[in-house]
């Protein structure tokens, strides 16, 4: 159980760090993140905890993809002109 707690805390910190550049703002992301973690705070079964932690890792990958796409679009706009 202690390992799940440390994984959950680390996941929360990683998501909070990634939420700095969220398009709707850090405050919006932080409140939604806290609400999601508080909603699932009573979960004690290990299969369900593993599923939730895996979903959190998926969200991290999606946020990274969102930021890479944003970066790509910015660079493309900067170097290519419309014809």
C-alpha atoms as a PDB file:
ATOM      1  CA  UNK A   1       0.000   0.000   0.000  1.00  0.00           C
ATOM      2  CA  UNK A   2       2.872   2.374   0.774  1.00  0.00           C
ATOM      3  CA  UNK A   3       4.290   1.950  -2.716  1.00  0.00           C
ATOM      4  CA  UNK A   4       0.944   2.942  -4.252  1.00  0.00           C
ATOM      5  CA  UNK A   5       0.883   6.027  -2.083  1.00  0.00           C
ATOM      6  CA  UNK A   6       4.352   7.087  -3.176  1.00  0.00           C
ATOM      7  CA  UNK A   7       3.465   6.393  -6.825  1.00  0.00           C
ATOM      8  CA  UNK A   8       0.302   8.470  -6.475  1.00  0.00           C
ATOM      9  CA  UNK A   9       2.199  11.368  -4.917  1.00  0.00           C
ATOM     10  CA  UNK A  10       4.837  11.234  -7.639  1.00  0.00           C
ATOM     11  CA  UNK A  11       2.137  11.101 -10.311  1.00  0.00           C
ATOM     12  CA  UNK A  12       0.420  14.122  -8.780  1.00  0.00           C
ATOM     13  CA  UNK A  13       3.675  16.083  -8.721  1.00  0.00           C
ATOM     14  CA  UNK A  14       4.471  15.179 -12.331  1.00  0.00           C
ATOM     15  CA  UNK A  15       1.004  16.165 -13.509  1.00  0.00           C
ATOM     16  CA  UNK A  16       1.176  19.406 -11.549  1.00  0.00           C
ATOM     17  CA  UNK A  17       4.522  20.197 -13.165  1.00  0.00           C
ATOM     18  CA  UNK A  18       3.193  19.454 -16.650  1.00  0.00           C
ATOM     19  CA  UNK A  19       0.119  21.575 -15.981  1.00  0.00           C
ATOM     20  CA  UNK A  20       2.180  24.780 -15.920  1.00  0.00           C
ATOM     21  CA  UNK A  21       1.789  25.247 -19.684  1.00  0.00           C
ATOM     22  CA  UNK A  22      -1.791  24.009 -19.991  1.00  0.00           C
ATOM     23  CA  UNK A  23      -3.712  26.100 -22.566  1.00  0.00           C
ATOM     24  CA  UNK A  24      -6.508  27.072 -20.155  1.00  0.00           C
ATOM     25  CA  UNK A  25      -4.063  28.057 -17.438  1.00  0.00           C
ATOM     26  CA  UNK A  26      -2.318  26.552 -14.466  1.00  0.00           C
ATOM     27  CA  UNK A  27      -5.092  27.376 -11.988  1.00  0.00           C
ATOM     28  CA  UNK A  28      -7.711  25.621 -14.123  1.00  0.00           C
ATOM     29  CA  UNK A  29      -5.524  22.533 -14.456  1.00  0.00           C
ATOM     30  CA  UNK A  30      -4.604  22.467 -10.760  1.00  0.00           C
ATOM     31  CA  UNK A  31      -8.205  22.625  -9.566  1.00  0.00           C
ATOM     32  CA  UNK A  32      -9.276  19.864 -11.963  1.00  0.00           C
ATOM     33  CA  UNK A  33      -6.287  17.722 -10.983  1.00  0.00           C
ATOM     34  CA  UNK A  34      -6.961  18.099  -7.272  1.00  0.00           C
ATOM     35  CA  UNK A  35     -10.638  17.284  -7.774  1.00  0.00           C
ATOM     36  CA  UNK A  36      -9.749  14.124  -9.701  1.00  0.00           C
ATOM     37  CA  UNK A  37      -7.346  12.939  -7.012  1.00  0.00           C
ATOM     38  CA  UNK A  38      -9.774  13.778  -4.207  1.00  0.00           C
ATOM     39  CA  UNK A  39     -12.566  11.882  -5.973  1.00  0.00           C
ATOM     40  CA  UNK A  40     -10.462   8.707  -5.939  1.00  0.00           C
ATOM     41  CA  UNK A  41      -8.875   9.055  -2.489  1.00  0.00           C
ATOM     42  CA  UNK A  42     -11.023   6.282  -0.971  1.00  0.00           C
ATOM     43  CA  UNK A  43      -9.862   3.605  -3.452  1.00  0.00           C
ATOM     44  CA  UNK A  44      -8.017   0.860  -1.559  1.00  0.00           C
ATOM     45  CA  UNK A  45      -8.076  -2.154  -3.870  1.00  0.00           C
ATOM     46  CA  UNK A  46      -4.795  -2.777  -5.660  1.00  0.00           C
ATOM     47  CA  UNK A  47      -6.205  -3.645  -9.140  1.00  0.00           C
ATOM     48  CA  UNK A  48      -8.222  -0.453  -9.160  1.00  0.00           C
ATOM     49  CA  UNK A  49      -5.232   1.567  -7.919  1.00  0.00           C
ATOM     50  CA  UNK A  50      -3.061   0.133 -10.683  1.00  0.00           C
ATOM     51  CA  UNK A  51      -5.705   1.089 -13.231  1.00  0.00           C
ATOM     52  CA  UNK A  52      -5.886   4.649 -11.906  1.00  0.00           C
ATOM     53  CA  UNK A  53      -2.103   5.018 -11.878  1.00  0.00           C
ATOM     54  CA  UNK A  54      -1.933   3.704 -15.457  1.00  0.00           C
ATOM     55  CA  UNK A  55      -4.586   6.240 -16.459  1.00  0.00           C
ATOM     56  CA  UNK A  56      -2.461   8.964 -14.876  1.00  0.00           C
ATOM     57  CA  UNK A  57       0.561   7.867 -16.912  1.00  0.00           C
ATOM     58  CA  UNK A  58      -1.630   7.990 -20.031  1.00  0.00           C
ATOM     59  CA  UNK A  59      -2.627  11.577 -19.177  1.00  0.00           C
ATOM     60  CA  UNK A  60       1.062  12.483 -18.864  1.00  0.00           C
ATOM     61  CA  UNK A  61       1.734  11.107 -22.343  1.00  0.00           C
ATOM     62  CA  UNK A  62      -1.251  12.994 -23.755  1.00  0.00           C
ATOM     63  CA  UNK A  63      -0.087  16.270 -22.196  1.00  0.00           C
ATOM     64  CA  UNK A  64       3.391  15.770 -23.605  1.00  0.00           C
ATOM     65  CA  UNK A  65       1.889  15.151 -27.044  1.00  0.00           C
ATOM     66  CA  UNK A  66      -0.227  18.302 -26.700  1.00  0.00           C
ATOM     67  CA  UNK A  67       2.832  20.381 -25.865  1.00  0.00           C
ATOM     68  CA  UNK A  68       4.881  18.873 -28.698  1.00  0.00           C
ATOM     69  CA  UNK A  69       2.074  19.661 -31.148  1.00  0.00           C
ATOM     70  CA  UNK A  70       1.900  23.221 -29.853  1.00  0.00           C
ATOM     71  CA  UNK A  71       5.661  23.581 -30.273  1.00  0.00           C
ATOM     72  CA  UNK A  72       5.529  22.093 -33.787  1.00  0.00           C
ATOM     73  CA  UNK A  73       2.755  24.445 -34.865  1.00  0.00           C
ATOM     74  CA  UNK A  74       4.627  27.445 -33.500  1.00  0.00           C
ATOM     75  CA  UNK A  75       7.821  26.516 -35.325  1.00  0.00           C
ATOM     76  CA  UNK A  76       5.926  25.774 -38.525  1.00  0.00           C
ATOM     77  CA  UNK A  77       4.178  29.149 -38.344  1.00  0.00           C
ATOM     78  CA  UNK A  78       7.483  30.867 -37.729  1.00  0.00           C
ATOM     79  CA  UNK A  79       9.402  29.351 -40.635  1.00  0.00           C
ATOM     80  CA  UNK A  80       6.782  28.769 -43.317  1.00  0.00           C
ATOM     81  CA  UNK A  81       4.758  31.546 -44.844  1.00  0.00           C
ATOM     82  CA  UNK A  82       1.291  31.177 -46.264  1.00  0.00           C
ATOM     83  CA  UNK A  83       1.078  31.264 -50.014  1.00  0.00           C
END
